[in-house]
């Protein structure tokens, strides 16, 4: 018997709507990462991008547990001397709440050539209005 190998023309991408209202960041991020990679599909292949589109609404209402809301810090470096930056969770939630979910999901996806196109299919929306409503119905 030969192992079934899916073809790029056979990939069907569905749209998933996730409401982040009151959801815990890590738990919701793992669900999103599984949908973006396509691991929930029976025809999953590691070398192909089989994932679906994911729309997350109410991004500003996501929660952390314990002391993480006061202690969590996002760190980055520009590559230049003195280019180290730190942004607290509270500041990030106030200014760019969509980046919190994007950062968490990005960290859960494998670092390979498929990561960028998987992240493009993640749509994080502030507020409860879904601008991709037509994609779900048709």
C-alpha atoms as a PDB file:
ATOM      1  CA  UNK A   1       0.000   0.000   0.000  1.00  0.00           C
ATOM      2  CA  UNK A   2       1.125   3.503  -0.718  1.00  0.00           C
ATOM      3  CA  UNK A   3       0.838   6.349   1.753  1.00  0.00           C
ATOM      4  CA  UNK A   4      -1.660   8.994   0.681  1.00  0.00           C
ATOM      5  CA  UNK A   5      -0.041  12.313  -0.187  1.00  0.00           C
ATOM      6  CA  UNK A   6      -2.428  15.278  -0.514  1.00  0.00           C
ATOM      7  CA  UNK A   7      -2.006  17.573  -3.491  1.00  0.00           C
ATOM      8  CA  UNK A   8      -2.065  21.359  -3.324  1.00  0.00           C
ATOM      9  CA  UNK A   9      -5.193  21.435  -5.505  1.00  0.00           C
ATOM     10  CA  UNK A  10      -7.060  19.235  -2.983  1.00  0.00           C
ATOM     11  CA  UNK A  11      -6.588  21.606  -0.045  1.00  0.00           C
ATOM     12  CA  UNK A  12      -9.862  23.140   1.104  1.00  0.00           C
ATOM     13  CA  UNK A  13      -9.550  26.083   3.482  1.00  0.00           C
ATOM     14  CA  UNK A  14     -12.402  26.721   5.897  1.00  0.00           C
ATOM     15  CA  UNK A  15     -13.056  29.825   7.996  1.00  0.00           C
ATOM     16  CA  UNK A  16     -13.230  29.596  11.803  1.00  0.00           C
ATOM     17  CA  UNK A  17     -14.568  32.299  14.135  1.00  0.00           C
ATOM     18  CA  UNK A  18     -13.159  32.403  17.676  1.00  0.00           C
ATOM     19  CA  UNK A  19     -14.447  34.747  20.373  1.00  0.00           C
ATOM     20  CA  UNK A  20     -11.656  35.741  22.783  1.00  0.00           C
ATOM     21  CA  UNK A  21     -14.052  37.318  25.312  1.00  0.00           C
ATOM     22  CA  UNK A  22     -12.916  36.002  28.714  1.00  0.00           C
ATOM     23  CA  UNK A  23     -10.697  33.316  27.143  1.00  0.00           C
ATOM     24  CA  UNK A  24      -7.264  32.503  28.565  1.00  0.00           C
ATOM     25  CA  UNK A  25      -4.476  33.527  26.190  1.00  0.00           C
ATOM     26  CA  UNK A  26      -2.496  30.269  26.131  1.00  0.00           C
ATOM     27  CA  UNK A  27      -5.525  28.029  25.742  1.00  0.00           C
ATOM     28  CA  UNK A  28      -6.997  30.011  22.872  1.00  0.00           C
ATOM     29  CA  UNK A  29      -3.584  30.346  21.167  1.00  0.00           C
ATOM     30  CA  UNK A  30      -3.072  26.575  21.024  1.00  0.00           C
ATOM     31  CA  UNK A  31      -6.486  26.107  19.410  1.00  0.00           C
ATOM     32  CA  UNK A  32      -5.667  28.800  16.837  1.00  0.00           C
ATOM     33  CA  UNK A  33      -2.237  27.285  16.088  1.00  0.00           C
ATOM     34  CA  UNK A  34      -3.795  23.852  15.461  1.00  0.00           C
ATOM     35  CA  UNK A  35      -6.333  25.357  13.035  1.00  0.00           C
ATOM     36  CA  UNK A  36      -3.653  27.398  11.205  1.00  0.00           C
ATOM     37  CA  UNK A  37      -1.389  24.373  10.713  1.00  0.00           C
ATOM     38  CA  UNK A  38      -4.257  22.075   9.674  1.00  0.00           C
ATOM     39  CA  UNK A  39      -3.501  19.427  12.288  1.00  0.00           C
ATOM     40  CA  UNK A  40      -7.221  18.986  12.880  1.00  0.00           C
ATOM     41  CA  UNK A  41      -7.682  17.553   9.359  1.00  0.00           C
ATOM     42  CA  UNK A  42      -7.365  13.831   8.597  1.00  0.00           C
ATOM     43  CA  UNK A  43      -5.261  14.543   5.484  1.00  0.00           C
ATOM     44  CA  UNK A  44      -2.615  16.569   7.401  1.00  0.00           C
ATOM     45  CA  UNK A  45       0.905  16.522   5.962  1.00  0.00           C
ATOM     46  CA  UNK A  46       3.796  18.220   7.754  1.00  0.00           C
ATOM     47  CA  UNK A  47       5.455  19.524   4.575  1.00  0.00           C
ATOM     48  CA  UNK A  48       2.327  21.247   3.215  1.00  0.00           C
ATOM     49  CA  UNK A  49       0.347  24.235   4.384  1.00  0.00           C
ATOM     50  CA  UNK A  50      -3.072  22.643   4.996  1.00  0.00           C
ATOM     51  CA  UNK A  51      -4.437  25.127   7.524  1.00  0.00           C
ATOM     52  CA  UNK A  52      -7.607  27.175   7.619  1.00  0.00           C
ATOM     53  CA  UNK A  53      -8.413  30.848   8.077  1.00  0.00           C
ATOM     54  CA  UNK A  54      -9.007  31.950  11.672  1.00  0.00           C
ATOM     55  CA  UNK A  55     -10.808  35.149  12.688  1.00  0.00           C
ATOM     56  CA  UNK A  56     -10.491  36.162  16.348  1.00  0.00           C
ATOM     57  CA  UNK A  57     -12.924  38.805  17.649  1.00  0.00           C
ATOM     58  CA  UNK A  58     -12.880  40.671  20.985  1.00  0.00           C
ATOM     59  CA  UNK A  59      -9.071  40.508  21.143  1.00  0.00           C
ATOM     60  CA  UNK A  60      -8.959  43.195  23.851  1.00  0.00           C
ATOM     61  CA  UNK A  61     -10.905  40.950  26.281  1.00  0.00           C
ATOM     62  CA  UNK A  62      -8.373  38.107  26.443  1.00  0.00           C
ATOM     63  CA  UNK A  63      -7.170  37.183  29.955  1.00  0.00           C
ATOM     64  CA  UNK A  64      -4.060  35.894  31.682  1.00  0.00           C
ATOM     65  CA  UNK A  65      -3.985  33.878  34.879  1.00  0.00           C
ATOM     66  CA  UNK A  66      -2.173  34.498  38.151  1.00  0.00           C
ATOM     67  CA  UNK A  67       0.255  37.425  38.387  1.00  0.00           C
ATOM     68  CA  UNK A  68       1.021  37.408  34.654  1.00  0.00           C
ATOM     69  CA  UNK A  69      -0.978  40.595  33.882  1.00  0.00           C
ATOM     70  CA  UNK A  70       1.409  42.537  36.146  1.00  0.00           C
ATOM     71  CA  UNK A  71       4.612  40.599  35.404  1.00  0.00           C
ATOM     72  CA  UNK A  72       4.507  39.678  31.695  1.00  0.00           C
ATOM     73  CA  UNK A  73       6.879  41.712  29.499  1.00  0.00           C
ATOM     74  CA  UNK A  74       7.365  41.603  25.722  1.00  0.00           C
ATOM     75  CA  UNK A  75      11.049  42.023  24.796  1.00  0.00           C
ATOM     76  CA  UNK A  76      12.605  42.790  21.417  1.00  0.00           C
ATOM     77  CA  UNK A  77      15.914  43.944  19.999  1.00  0.00           C
ATOM     78  CA  UNK A  78      16.448  45.960  16.827  1.00  0.00           C
ATOM     79  CA  UNK A  79      19.916  44.536  16.249  1.00  0.00           C
ATOM     80  CA  UNK A  80      21.616  47.872  16.864  1.00  0.00           C
ATOM     81  CA  UNK A  81      23.553  48.805  20.015  1.00  0.00           C
ATOM     82  CA  UNK A  82      21.106  50.051  22.625  1.00  0.00           C
ATOM     83  CA  UNK A  83      18.168  48.672  20.610  1.00  0.00           C
ATOM     84  CA  UNK A  84      16.653  46.615  23.432  1.00  0.00           C
ATOM     85  CA  UNK A  85      12.962  47.342  24.067  1.00  0.00           C
ATOM     86  CA  UNK A  86      10.556  46.152  26.741  1.00  0.00           C
ATOM     87  CA  UNK A  87       6.779  46.612  26.667  1.00  0.00           C
ATOM     88  CA  UNK A  88       4.601  45.526  29.586  1.00  0.00           C
ATOM     89  CA  UNK A  89       1.456  43.453  29.049  1.00  0.00           C
ATOM     90  CA  UNK A  90      -0.736  46.284  30.387  1.00  0.00           C
ATOM     91  CA  UNK A  91       0.701  48.791  27.886  1.00  0.00           C
ATOM     92  CA  UNK A  92       0.436  46.324  25.008  1.00  0.00           C
ATOM     93  CA  UNK A  93      -3.191  45.544  25.919  1.00  0.00           C
ATOM     94  CA  UNK A  94      -4.027  49.253  26.005  1.00  0.00           C
ATOM     95  CA  UNK A  95      -2.284  50.234  22.755  1.00  0.00           C
ATOM     96  CA  UNK A  96      -2.239  47.113  20.508  1.00  0.00           C
ATOM     97  CA  UNK A  97      -4.356  44.277  21.970  1.00  0.00           C
ATOM     98  CA  UNK A  98      -4.325  42.349  18.679  1.00  0.00           C
ATOM     99  CA  UNK A  99      -0.531  41.904  18.907  1.00  0.00           C
ATOM    100  CA  UNK A 100      -0.900  39.923  22.150  1.00  0.00           C
ATOM    101  CA  UNK A 101      -2.733  37.095  20.376  1.00  0.00           C
ATOM    102  CA  UNK A 102      -0.552  37.343  17.260  1.00  0.00           C
ATOM    103  CA  UNK A 103       2.621  37.064  19.355  1.00  0.00           C
ATOM    104  CA  UNK A 104       1.318  34.070  21.329  1.00  0.00           C
ATOM    105  CA  UNK A 105       0.185  32.188  18.213  1.00  0.00           C
ATOM    106  CA  UNK A 106       3.419  33.001  16.365  1.00  0.00           C
ATOM    107  CA  UNK A 107       5.398  31.445  19.194  1.00  0.00           C
ATOM    108  CA  UNK A 108       3.361  28.243  18.956  1.00  0.00           C
ATOM    109  CA  UNK A 109       3.853  27.748  15.207  1.00  0.00           C
ATOM    110  CA  UNK A 110       6.963  25.926  13.988  1.00  0.00           C
ATOM    111  CA  UNK A 111       9.767  28.170  12.722  1.00  0.00           C
ATOM    112  CA  UNK A 112       9.917  27.116   9.075  1.00  0.00           C
ATOM    113  CA  UNK A 113       9.079  28.417   5.587  1.00  0.00           C
ATOM    114  CA  UNK A 114       5.349  27.950   6.128  1.00  0.00           C
ATOM    115  CA  UNK A 115       5.091  30.162   9.215  1.00  0.00           C
ATOM    116  CA  UNK A 116       4.655  33.471   7.393  1.00  0.00           C
ATOM    117  CA  UNK A 117       1.800  32.284   5.160  1.00  0.00           C
ATOM    118  CA  UNK A 118       0.097  30.671   8.150  1.00  0.00           C
ATOM    119  CA  UNK A 119       0.255  33.921  10.109  1.00  0.00           C
ATOM    120  CA  UNK A 120      -1.264  35.800   7.151  1.00  0.00           C
ATOM    121  CA  UNK A 121      -4.391  33.637   7.526  1.00  0.00           C
ATOM    122  CA  UNK A 122      -4.822  34.780  11.158  1.00  0.00           C
ATOM    123  CA  UNK A 123      -7.138  37.792  11.395  1.00  0.00           C
ATOM    124  CA  UNK A 124      -7.320  39.387  14.862  1.00  0.00           C
ATOM    125  CA  UNK A 125     -10.117  41.944  15.316  1.00  0.00           C
ATOM    126  CA  UNK A 126     -10.642  44.426  18.140  1.00  0.00           C
ATOM    127  CA  UNK A 127     -14.321  44.465  19.070  1.00  0.00           C
ATOM    128  CA  UNK A 128     -17.149  42.059  18.332  1.00  0.00           C
ATOM    129  CA  UNK A 129     -17.840  42.999  14.689  1.00  0.00           C
ATOM    130  CA  UNK A 130     -16.623  40.399  12.181  1.00  0.00           C
ATOM    131  CA  UNK A 131     -15.599  42.082   8.875  1.00  0.00           C
ATOM    132  CA  UNK A 132     -15.183  38.645   7.203  1.00  0.00           C
ATOM    133  CA  UNK A 133     -18.855  37.646   7.660  1.00  0.00           C
ATOM    134  CA  UNK A 134     -19.337  37.011   3.927  1.00  0.00           C
ATOM    135  CA  UNK A 135     -16.563  34.350   3.924  1.00  0.00           C
ATOM    136  CA  UNK A 136     -18.436  32.219   6.471  1.00  0.00           C
ATOM    137  CA  UNK A 137     -21.742  32.194   4.596  1.00  0.00           C
ATOM    138  CA  UNK A 138     -20.402  31.497   1.110  1.00  0.00           C
END
